[in-house]
Amino acid sequence: MRLSTRTRYGCRALAEVAAAYPDGMPSIREIAERQHLSPKYLESIMQALKAAGLVRATRGMHGGYALAHPPDQISMSDVFYALEGPPDPVPCLDEPEECDMASACPTRETWLELRAAIDGVLARRTLKDLAARCIARADS
């Protein structure tokens, strides 16, 4: 499984926003510069995160993005689902009717275990964890 650039960049951007929590509101330009990202692409990612209720935006000279919830309440799973959808290694996990072999498939249980493992890792990590790493790297 490979993560899209959208998810990778979104996580990096959210680490920046979380590191500024609760008082800071980094702008797209600031985040893009620090993370070496295209501001235009980053804007589309942040709009998706806003639509998912994970961030809020403020316009104007001192505007930027802030988390919609405390960083310890936003899991990497929330971010992943907002940008990628469910971490299904095969499509039949969410849509078993799409596969004639779903009920008899010898590999389906393995794919379910894989999805559960991915979900578990993503659920255990929060934006607070990412913010701590972001701050630690900035200090070194």
Protein backbone atom coordinates (compact mmCIF):
# COMPACT_ATOMS: atom_id res chain seq x y z
CA MET A 1 0.00 0.00 0.00
CA ARG A 2 1.27 3.45 -0.91
CA LEU A 3 -0.01 6.68 0.52
CA SER A 4 -0.87 9.44 -1.90
CA THR A 5 1.05 12.70 -1.87
CA ARG A 6 -2.22 14.28 -0.77
CA THR A 7 -2.19 12.30 2.47
CA ARG A 8 1.55 12.63 3.07
CA TYR A 9 1.50 16.38 2.49
CA GLY A 10 -1.70 16.77 4.49
CA CYS A 11 -0.13 15.06 7.49
CA ARG A 12 2.97 17.24 7.25
CA ALA A 13 0.85 20.37 7.01
CA LEU A 14 -1.27 19.31 9.98
CA ALA A 15 1.89 18.72 12.01
CA GLU A 16 2.73 22.40 11.42
CA VAL A 17 -0.77 23.53 12.35
CA ALA A 18 -0.77 21.31 15.45
CA ALA A 19 2.65 22.63 16.51
CA ALA A 20 1.15 26.16 16.46
CA TYR A 21 -1.89 25.11 18.53
CA PRO A 22 -3.62 26.75 20.39
CA ASP A 23 -2.63 30.33 19.60
CA GLY A 24 -0.93 30.20 16.20
CA MET A 25 -2.54 30.10 12.78
CA PRO A 26 0.09 29.40 10.14
CA SER A 27 -0.77 30.52 6.63
CA ILE A 28 -0.65 28.34 3.54
CA ARG A 29 2.48 30.23 2.47
CA GLU A 30 4.24 29.57 5.80
CA ILE A 31 3.34 25.90 5.86
CA ALA A 32 4.28 25.44 2.20
CA GLU A 33 7.67 27.11 2.71
CA ARG A 34 8.55 25.06 5.80
CA GLN A 35 7.40 21.79 4.25
CA HIS A 36 8.65 22.49 0.70
CA LEU A 37 5.19 22.10 -0.81
CA SER A 38 3.29 23.79 -3.60
CA PRO A 39 0.98 26.41 -2.01
CA LYS A 40 -1.72 25.77 -4.62
CA TYR A 41 -1.72 22.00 -4.01
CA LEU A 42 -1.58 22.54 -0.25
CA GLU A 43 -4.60 24.84 -0.43
CA SER A 44 -6.68 22.06 -2.04
CA ILE A 45 -5.57 19.63 0.67
CA MET A 46 -6.43 22.08 3.44
CA GLN A 47 -9.87 22.64 1.91
CA ALA A 48 -10.52 18.90 2.12
CA LEU A 49 -9.40 18.89 5.76
CA LYS A 50 -11.65 21.86 6.45
CA ALA A 51 -14.60 20.07 4.80
CA ALA A 52 -13.90 17.08 7.06
CA GLY A 53 -14.08 19.35 10.12
CA LEU A 54 -10.44 18.89 11.11
CA VAL A 55 -9.28 22.49 10.59
CA ARG A 56 -10.80 25.93 10.41
CA ALA A 57 -9.60 28.82 8.29
CA THR A 58 -9.44 32.53 8.97
CA ARG A 59 -9.03 35.01 6.14
CA GLY A 60 -7.15 38.23 6.19
CA MET A 61 -3.68 39.56 6.88
CA HIS A 62 -3.29 37.53 10.07
CA GLY A 63 -5.34 34.60 8.83
CA GLY A 64 -4.34 31.02 8.45
CA TYR A 65 -5.35 27.58 9.58
CA ALA A 66 -6.02 26.25 13.05
CA LEU A 67 -7.14 22.88 14.30
CA ALA A 68 -10.87 22.53 14.84
CA HIS A 69 -10.20 20.33 17.90
CA PRO A 70 -7.26 19.90 20.29
CA PRO A 71 -4.40 17.95 18.68
CA ASP A 72 -4.76 15.03 21.07
CA GLN A 73 -8.35 14.58 19.84
CA ILE A 74 -7.50 14.28 16.14
CA SER A 75 -6.10 10.90 15.21
CA MET A 76 -4.09 10.04 12.16
CA SER A 77 -7.05 7.82 11.32
CA ASP A 78 -9.25 10.94 11.09
CA VAL A 79 -6.77 12.51 8.69
CA PHE A 80 -6.34 9.35 6.64
CA TYR A 81 -10.08 8.85 6.21
CA ALA A 82 -10.54 12.52 5.27
CA LEU A 83 -7.90 12.39 2.54
CA GLU A 84 -7.82 8.74 1.40
CA GLY A 85 -10.96 7.05 2.60
CA PRO A 86 -10.82 3.68 4.38
CA PRO A 87 -7.48 1.85 4.37
CA ASP A 88 -8.77 -1.11 2.42
CA PRO A 89 -6.03 -3.10 0.70
CA VAL A 90 -8.68 -4.62 -1.60
CA PRO A 91 -12.06 -3.16 -2.65
CA CYS A 92 -14.16 -6.13 -1.57
CA LEU A 93 -13.70 -5.38 2.15
CA ASP A 94 -16.16 -2.51 2.05
CA GLU A 95 -18.16 -3.86 -0.88
CA PRO A 96 -18.28 -7.67 -0.59
CA GLU A 97 -21.14 -7.77 -3.08
CA GLU A 98 -18.65 -6.65 -5.74
CA CYS A 99 -16.80 -9.97 -5.51
CA ASP A 100 -18.30 -13.36 -6.28
CA MET A 101 -15.68 -14.96 -4.04
CA ALA A 102 -16.17 -12.76 -0.94
CA SER A 103 -17.78 -15.47 1.19
CA ALA A 104 -15.37 -18.22 0.09
CA CYS A 105 -12.19 -16.21 -0.47
CA PRO A 106 -9.17 -17.77 1.24
CA THR A 107 -7.40 -14.40 1.51
CA ARG A 108 -10.24 -12.16 2.74
CA GLU A 109 -9.47 -12.73 6.44
CA THR A 110 -5.85 -11.75 5.84
CA TRP A 111 -6.92 -8.49 4.17
CA LEU A 112 -9.31 -7.81 7.07
CA GLU A 113 -6.44 -8.33 9.52
CA LEU A 114 -4.23 -6.00 7.49
CA ARG A 115 -6.91 -3.28 7.50
CA ALA A 116 -7.36 -3.70 11.27
CA ALA A 117 -3.60 -3.39 11.81
CA ILE A 118 -3.43 -0.22 9.71
CA ASP A 119 -6.47 1.21 11.50
CA GLY A 120 -4.87 0.40 14.86
CA VAL A 121 -1.64 2.25 14.09
CA LEU A 122 -3.49 5.25 12.69
CA ALA A 123 -5.88 5.38 15.65
CA ARG A 124 -3.03 5.32 18.20
CA ARG A 125 -1.25 8.32 16.68
CA THR A 126 -2.61 11.83 17.09
CA LEU A 127 -1.70 15.25 15.80
CA LYS A 128 -0.25 15.89 19.25
CA ASP A 129 2.35 13.21 18.45
CA LEU A 130 3.13 14.83 15.10
CA ALA A 131 3.34 18.30 16.66
CA ALA A 132 5.86 17.05 19.24
CA ARG A 133 8.03 15.63 16.45
CA CYS A 134 7.69 18.84 14.45
CA ILE A 135 8.74 20.96 17.45
CA ALA A 136 11.62 18.62 18.33
CA ARG A 137 12.99 18.80 14.79
CA ALA A 138 12.72 22.60 14.76
CA ASP A 139 14.68 22.77 18.03
CA SER A 140 17.52 20.59 16.77
